[in-house]
Amino acid sequence: PDLTGHEKFGLGNVKYNISSIHVTAVELPSASISLLPRSGIKLVIGNASLTIDMNWNIRTWMFKDSGRGTVHISKVFVTAIFSTPLDNTGPTSISLTSCRTTSGDIDIKLNGKS
């Protein structure tokens, strides 16, 4: 979905819109899934990266600008625990019980008219 909003900076508001968001690359060089006895599943992803392309525009009382942008997020680590019911009373379900994510580097490149 598009991201639209405004932030107050100094003497005025900055209105922004980020649209046409597309994930163009995902790398998962280290991923593992393990079973946790009597409780569920553990997913660990290490040193992942993600690249996103988008359109952006900003507007203030003084100027406006727009263009294309790329965001590259690297050194992403995720640990997630999923629980599964132990009884056979209904359809199998999985729920997320804990999730921890960290990212090391974020590189943002904005190309615009200014």
N, C-alpha and C. Protein backbone atom coordinates (compact mmCIF):
# COMPACT_ATOMS: atom_id res chain seq x y z
N PRO A 1 0.83 -1.21 0.00
CA PRO A 1 0.00 0.00 0.00
C PRO A 1 0.87 1.26 0.00
N ASP A 2 0.29 2.35 -0.49
CA ASP A 2 0.98 3.63 -0.49
C ASP A 2 1.08 4.16 0.93
N LEU A 3 2.11 4.97 1.17
CA LEU A 3 2.30 5.63 2.47
C LEU A 3 2.13 7.13 2.26
N THR A 4 1.19 7.72 2.98
CA THR A 4 0.92 9.15 2.87
C THR A 4 0.83 9.73 4.27
N GLY A 5 1.35 10.93 4.43
CA GLY A 5 1.25 11.56 5.74
C GLY A 5 1.88 12.94 5.75
N HIS A 6 2.05 13.47 6.94
CA HIS A 6 2.71 14.76 7.09
C HIS A 6 3.45 14.78 8.43
N GLU A 7 4.52 15.57 8.44
CA GLU A 7 5.34 15.75 9.64
C GLU A 7 5.59 17.23 9.82
N LYS A 8 5.67 17.66 11.06
CA LYS A 8 5.95 19.07 11.35
C LYS A 8 7.44 19.25 11.57
N PHE A 9 8.05 20.12 10.77
CA PHE A 9 9.46 20.45 10.87
C PHE A 9 9.62 21.95 10.94
N GLY A 10 10.24 22.45 11.98
CA GLY A 10 10.54 23.87 12.08
C GLY A 10 9.33 24.76 11.90
N LEU A 11 9.30 25.49 10.78
CA LEU A 11 8.26 26.48 10.54
C LEU A 11 7.05 25.97 9.78
N GLY A 12 7.04 24.69 9.42
CA GLY A 12 5.89 24.24 8.64
C GLY A 12 5.77 22.74 8.58
N ASN A 13 4.76 22.30 7.83
CA ASN A 13 4.50 20.88 7.65
C ASN A 13 5.12 20.39 6.35
N VAL A 14 5.56 19.16 6.37
CA VAL A 14 6.03 18.48 5.17
C VAL A 14 5.03 17.37 4.88
N LYS A 15 4.40 17.45 3.71
CA LYS A 15 3.49 16.40 3.28
C LYS A 15 4.27 15.45 2.37
N TYR A 16 4.04 14.14 2.55
CA TYR A 16 4.77 13.18 1.74
C TYR A 16 3.84 12.08 1.24
N ASN A 17 4.24 11.47 0.13
CA ASN A 17 3.53 10.33 -0.42
C ASN A 17 4.57 9.39 -1.02
N ILE A 18 4.51 8.12 -0.63
CA ILE A 18 5.37 7.09 -1.20
C ILE A 18 4.44 6.08 -1.85
N SER A 19 4.63 5.88 -3.16
CA SER A 19 3.70 5.03 -3.92
C SER A 19 4.47 4.07 -4.82
N SER A 20 3.73 3.18 -5.45
CA SER A 20 4.30 2.17 -6.36
C SER A 20 5.47 1.43 -5.70
N ILE A 21 5.23 0.98 -4.48
CA ILE A 21 6.25 0.28 -3.72
C ILE A 21 6.36 -1.16 -4.22
N HIS A 22 7.57 -1.54 -4.66
CA HIS A 22 7.79 -2.89 -5.18
C HIS A 22 9.05 -3.48 -4.56
N VAL A 23 8.94 -4.67 -4.04
CA VAL A 23 10.11 -5.41 -3.57
C VAL A 23 10.77 -6.01 -4.81
N THR A 24 12.02 -5.61 -5.06
CA THR A 24 12.69 -6.06 -6.29
C THR A 24 13.73 -7.15 -6.03
N ALA A 25 14.15 -7.33 -4.78
CA ALA A 25 15.12 -8.38 -4.48
C ALA A 25 15.02 -8.78 -3.01
N VAL A 26 15.12 -10.08 -2.78
CA VAL A 26 15.17 -10.63 -1.42
C VAL A 26 16.25 -11.70 -1.42
N GLU A 27 17.16 -11.61 -0.46
CA GLU A 27 18.20 -12.63 -0.32
C GLU A 27 18.14 -13.21 1.08
N LEU A 28 18.09 -14.54 1.16
CA LEU A 28 18.05 -15.25 2.43
C LEU A 28 19.21 -16.25 2.45
N PRO A 29 20.44 -15.77 2.66
CA PRO A 29 21.59 -16.67 2.59
C PRO A 29 21.65 -17.69 3.71
N SER A 30 21.01 -17.39 4.83
CA SER A 30 21.04 -18.31 5.96
C SER A 30 19.64 -18.38 6.57
N ALA A 31 18.98 -19.52 6.41
CA ALA A 31 17.64 -19.69 6.98
C ALA A 31 17.52 -21.12 7.48
N SER A 32 16.87 -21.26 8.64
CA SER A 32 16.66 -22.60 9.18
C SER A 32 15.32 -22.68 9.89
N ILE A 33 14.75 -23.87 9.88
CA ILE A 33 13.50 -24.14 10.58
C ILE A 33 13.76 -25.35 11.47
N SER A 34 13.35 -25.23 12.73
CA SER A 34 13.50 -26.37 13.64
C SER A 34 12.22 -26.57 14.43
N LEU A 35 12.00 -27.80 14.84
CA LEU A 35 10.83 -28.13 15.65
C LEU A 35 11.17 -27.96 17.12
N LEU A 36 10.27 -27.32 17.86
CA LEU A 36 10.41 -27.16 19.29
C LEU A 36 9.52 -28.20 19.95
N PRO A 37 10.09 -29.09 20.75
CA PRO A 37 9.29 -30.17 21.34
C PRO A 37 8.07 -29.66 22.10
N ARG A 38 6.92 -30.20 21.76
CA ARG A 38 5.64 -29.93 22.41
C ARG A 38 5.20 -28.47 22.35
N SER A 39 5.80 -27.66 21.46
CA SER A 39 5.35 -26.27 21.44
C SER A 39 5.19 -25.67 20.05
N GLY A 40 6.06 -25.99 19.11
CA GLY A 40 5.87 -25.38 17.81
C GLY A 40 7.09 -25.43 16.91
N ILE A 41 7.29 -24.34 16.20
CA ILE A 41 8.31 -24.24 15.17
C ILE A 41 9.11 -22.96 15.39
N LYS A 42 10.43 -23.06 15.19
CA LYS A 42 11.31 -21.89 15.29
C LYS A 42 11.91 -21.62 13.92
N LEU A 43 11.77 -20.39 13.44
CA LEU A 43 12.33 -19.95 12.16
C LEU A 43 13.43 -18.94 12.46
N VAL A 44 14.62 -19.18 11.90
CA VAL A 44 15.73 -18.25 12.07
C VAL A 44 16.25 -17.87 10.69
N ILE A 45 16.31 -16.58 10.43
CA ILE A 45 16.85 -16.06 9.17
C ILE A 45 18.01 -15.14 9.53
N GLY A 46 19.16 -15.38 8.91
CA GLY A 46 20.34 -14.59 9.23
C GLY A 46 20.93 -13.91 8.01
N ASN A 47 21.39 -12.69 8.22
CA ASN A 47 22.10 -11.91 7.20
C ASN A 47 21.30 -11.76 5.90
N ALA A 48 20.01 -11.54 6.03
CA ALA A 48 19.15 -11.36 4.86
C ALA A 48 19.25 -9.93 4.34
N SER A 49 18.77 -9.72 3.12
CA SER A 49 18.71 -8.36 2.57
C SER A 49 17.46 -8.22 1.72
N LEU A 50 17.07 -6.96 1.53
CA LEU A 50 15.83 -6.63 0.83
C LEU A 50 16.04 -5.33 0.07
N THR A 51 15.58 -5.27 -1.18
CA THR A 51 15.65 -4.04 -1.97
C THR A 51 14.24 -3.67 -2.40
N ILE A 52 13.90 -2.39 -2.22
CA ILE A 52 12.56 -1.87 -2.53
C ILE A 52 12.71 -0.66 -3.45
N ASP A 53 11.94 -0.62 -4.53
CA ASP A 53 11.87 0.55 -5.40
C ASP A 53 10.53 1.24 -5.17
N MET A 54 10.49 2.56 -5.37
CA MET A 54 9.27 3.32 -5.10
C MET A 54 9.29 4.66 -5.81
N ASN A 55 8.11 5.28 -5.89
CA ASN A 55 7.98 6.69 -6.27
C ASN A 55 7.78 7.48 -4.99
N TRP A 56 8.24 8.71 -4.96
CA TRP A 56 8.04 9.56 -3.78
C TRP A 56 7.77 10.99 -4.21
N ASN A 57 7.05 11.71 -3.36
CA ASN A 57 6.92 13.16 -3.54
C ASN A 57 6.72 13.81 -2.18
N ILE A 58 7.25 15.01 -2.07
CA ILE A 58 7.09 15.81 -0.85
C ILE A 58 6.65 17.21 -1.24
N ARG A 59 5.98 17.86 -0.30
CA ARG A 59 5.51 19.22 -0.53
C ARG A 59 5.56 19.99 0.79
N THR A 60 6.12 21.18 0.73
CA THR A 60 6.12 22.11 1.87
C THR A 60 5.55 23.42 1.38
N TRP A 61 5.44 24.39 2.26
CA TRP A 61 4.94 25.71 1.85
C TRP A 61 5.95 26.40 0.94
N MET A 62 7.20 25.92 0.94
CA MET A 62 8.25 26.58 0.19
C MET A 62 8.60 25.89 -1.14
N PHE A 63 8.52 24.57 -1.18
CA PHE A 63 8.89 23.84 -2.40
C PHE A 63 8.19 22.49 -2.45
N LYS A 64 8.30 21.87 -3.63
CA LYS A 64 7.83 20.49 -3.79
C LYS A 64 8.81 19.77 -4.68
N ASP A 65 8.87 18.46 -4.52
CA ASP A 65 9.77 17.64 -5.33
C ASP A 65 9.22 16.22 -5.39
N SER A 66 9.65 15.49 -6.40
CA SER A 66 9.21 14.11 -6.56
C SER A 66 10.27 13.36 -7.35
N GLY A 67 10.16 12.04 -7.32
CA GLY A 67 11.11 11.23 -8.08
C GLY A 67 10.97 9.75 -7.76
N ARG A 68 12.04 9.02 -8.06
CA ARG A 68 12.11 7.58 -7.78
C ARG A 68 13.09 7.36 -6.64
N GLY A 69 12.91 6.27 -5.93
CA GLY A 69 13.81 5.96 -4.84
C GLY A 69 14.05 4.47 -4.72
N THR A 70 15.17 4.13 -4.11
CA THR A 70 15.52 2.74 -3.82
C THR A 70 15.97 2.66 -2.38
N VAL A 71 15.46 1.66 -1.67
CA VAL A 71 15.86 1.39 -0.29
C VAL A 71 16.46 -0.01 -0.26
N HIS A 72 17.68 -0.11 0.26
CA HIS A 72 18.32 -1.42 0.41
C HIS A 72 18.57 -1.64 1.90
N ILE A 73 17.98 -2.69 2.44
CA ILE A 73 18.12 -3.04 3.85
C ILE A 73 18.94 -4.32 3.92
N SER A 74 20.04 -4.29 4.68
CA SER A 74 20.90 -5.47 4.76
C SER A 74 21.20 -5.81 6.21
N LYS A 75 21.84 -6.94 6.38
CA LYS A 75 22.17 -7.47 7.71
C LYS A 75 20.91 -7.62 8.56
N VAL A 76 19.88 -8.20 7.95
CA VAL A 76 18.60 -8.42 8.63
C VAL A 76 18.62 -9.80 9.29
N PHE A 77 18.24 -9.82 10.57
CA PHE A 77 18.17 -11.07 11.33
C PHE A 77 16.77 -11.20 11.91
N VAL A 78 16.15 -12.36 11.74
CA VAL A 78 14.79 -12.60 12.21
C VAL A 78 14.77 -13.93 12.98
N THR A 79 14.15 -13.90 14.14
CA THR A 79 13.85 -15.12 14.88
C THR A 79 12.38 -15.10 15.19
N ALA A 80 11.66 -16.12 14.75
CA ALA A 80 10.21 -16.19 14.97
C ALA A 80 9.85 -17.55 15.55
N ILE A 81 8.94 -17.54 16.51
CA ILE A 81 8.43 -18.76 17.11
C ILE A 81 6.94 -18.87 16.77
N PHE A 82 6.56 -20.00 16.20
CA PHE A 82 5.17 -20.27 15.87
C PHE A 82 4.68 -21.40 16.76
N SER A 83 3.47 -21.27 17.28
CA SER A 83 2.91 -22.35 18.10
C SER A 83 1.85 -23.09 17.31
N THR A 84 1.73 -24.37 17.61
CA THR A 84 0.72 -25.20 16.99
C THR A 84 -0.05 -25.91 18.10
N PRO A 85 -1.36 -26.07 17.94
CA PRO A 85 -2.13 -26.75 18.99
C PRO A 85 -1.74 -28.22 19.08
N LEU A 86 -1.79 -28.76 20.29
CA LEU A 86 -1.41 -30.15 20.50
C LEU A 86 -2.59 -31.11 20.45
N ASP A 87 -3.80 -30.57 20.40
CA ASP A 87 -4.97 -31.46 20.37
C ASP A 87 -5.44 -31.67 18.94
N ASN A 88 -6.31 -32.61 18.76
CA ASN A 88 -6.85 -32.92 17.43
C ASN A 88 -8.32 -32.53 17.34
N THR A 89 -8.71 -31.41 17.95
CA THR A 89 -10.12 -31.03 18.00
C THR A 89 -10.58 -30.25 16.79
N GLY A 90 -9.70 -29.81 15.96
CA GLY A 90 -10.12 -29.02 14.81
C GLY A 90 -9.04 -28.97 13.76
N PRO A 91 -9.19 -28.07 12.79
CA PRO A 91 -8.18 -27.96 11.74
C PRO A 91 -6.85 -27.44 12.32
N THR A 92 -5.78 -27.85 11.70
CA THR A 92 -4.46 -27.41 12.15
C THR A 92 -4.32 -25.91 11.96
N SER A 93 -3.79 -25.25 12.97
CA SER A 93 -3.56 -23.81 12.87
C SER A 93 -2.18 -23.49 13.41
N ILE A 94 -1.65 -22.39 12.96
CA ILE A 94 -0.34 -21.91 13.41
C ILE A 94 -0.50 -20.45 13.80
N SER A 95 0.06 -20.07 14.95
CA SER A 95 0.02 -18.66 15.34
C SER A 95 1.41 -18.20 15.75
N LEU A 96 1.70 -16.96 15.45
CA LEU A 96 2.99 -16.36 15.79
C LEU A 96 2.98 -15.98 17.27
N THR A 97 3.90 -16.54 18.04
CA THR A 97 3.92 -16.24 19.48
C THR A 97 5.05 -15.29 19.86
N SER A 98 6.11 -15.22 19.05
CA SER A 98 7.17 -14.25 19.30
C SER A 98 7.94 -14.00 18.02
N CYS A 99 8.43 -12.78 17.90
CA CYS A 99 9.20 -12.42 16.71
C CYS A 99 10.18 -11.32 17.08
N ARG A 100 11.43 -11.49 16.68
CA ARG A 100 12.45 -10.48 16.93
C ARG A 100 13.19 -10.24 15.62
N THR A 101 13.28 -8.97 15.24
CA THR A 101 13.93 -8.60 13.98
C THR A 101 14.90 -7.45 14.23
N THR A 102 16.08 -7.55 13.66
CA THR A 102 17.04 -6.45 13.69
C THR A 102 17.59 -6.25 12.28
N SER A 103 17.95 -5.02 11.98
CA SER A 103 18.59 -4.73 10.70
C SER A 103 19.84 -3.91 10.96
N GLY A 104 20.86 -4.16 10.17
CA GLY A 104 22.14 -3.51 10.37
C GLY A 104 22.32 -2.25 9.56
N ASP A 105 22.05 -2.29 8.28
CA ASP A 105 22.30 -1.16 7.39
C ASP A 105 21.06 -0.87 6.55
N ILE A 106 20.80 0.43 6.38
CA ILE A 106 19.73 0.88 5.49
C ILE A 106 20.32 1.95 4.58
N ASP A 107 20.27 1.72 3.29
CA ASP A 107 20.79 2.65 2.30
C ASP A 107 19.61 3.18 1.49
N ILE A 108 19.40 4.50 1.52
CA ILE A 108 18.28 5.12 0.82
C ILE A 108 18.84 6.04 -0.27
N LYS A 109 18.38 5.83 -1.49
CA LYS A 109 18.78 6.69 -2.61
C LYS A 109 17.52 7.29 -3.21
N LEU A 110 17.47 8.63 -3.21
CA LEU A 110 16.33 9.34 -3.79
C LEU A 110 16.80 10.14 -4.99
N ASN A 111 16.16 9.94 -6.12
CA ASN A 111 16.44 10.71 -7.33
C ASN A 111 15.24 11.60 -7.59
N GLY A 112 15.48 12.91 -7.68
CA GLY A 112 14.39 13.84 -7.90
C GLY A 112 14.81 14.99 -8.77
N LYS A 113 13.95 15.97 -8.87
CA LYS A 113 14.22 17.13 -9.72
C LYS A 113 15.17 18.12 -9.07
N SER A 114 15.15 18.19 -7.75
CA SER A 114 16.02 19.15 -7.05
C SER A 114 17.39 18.56 -6.76
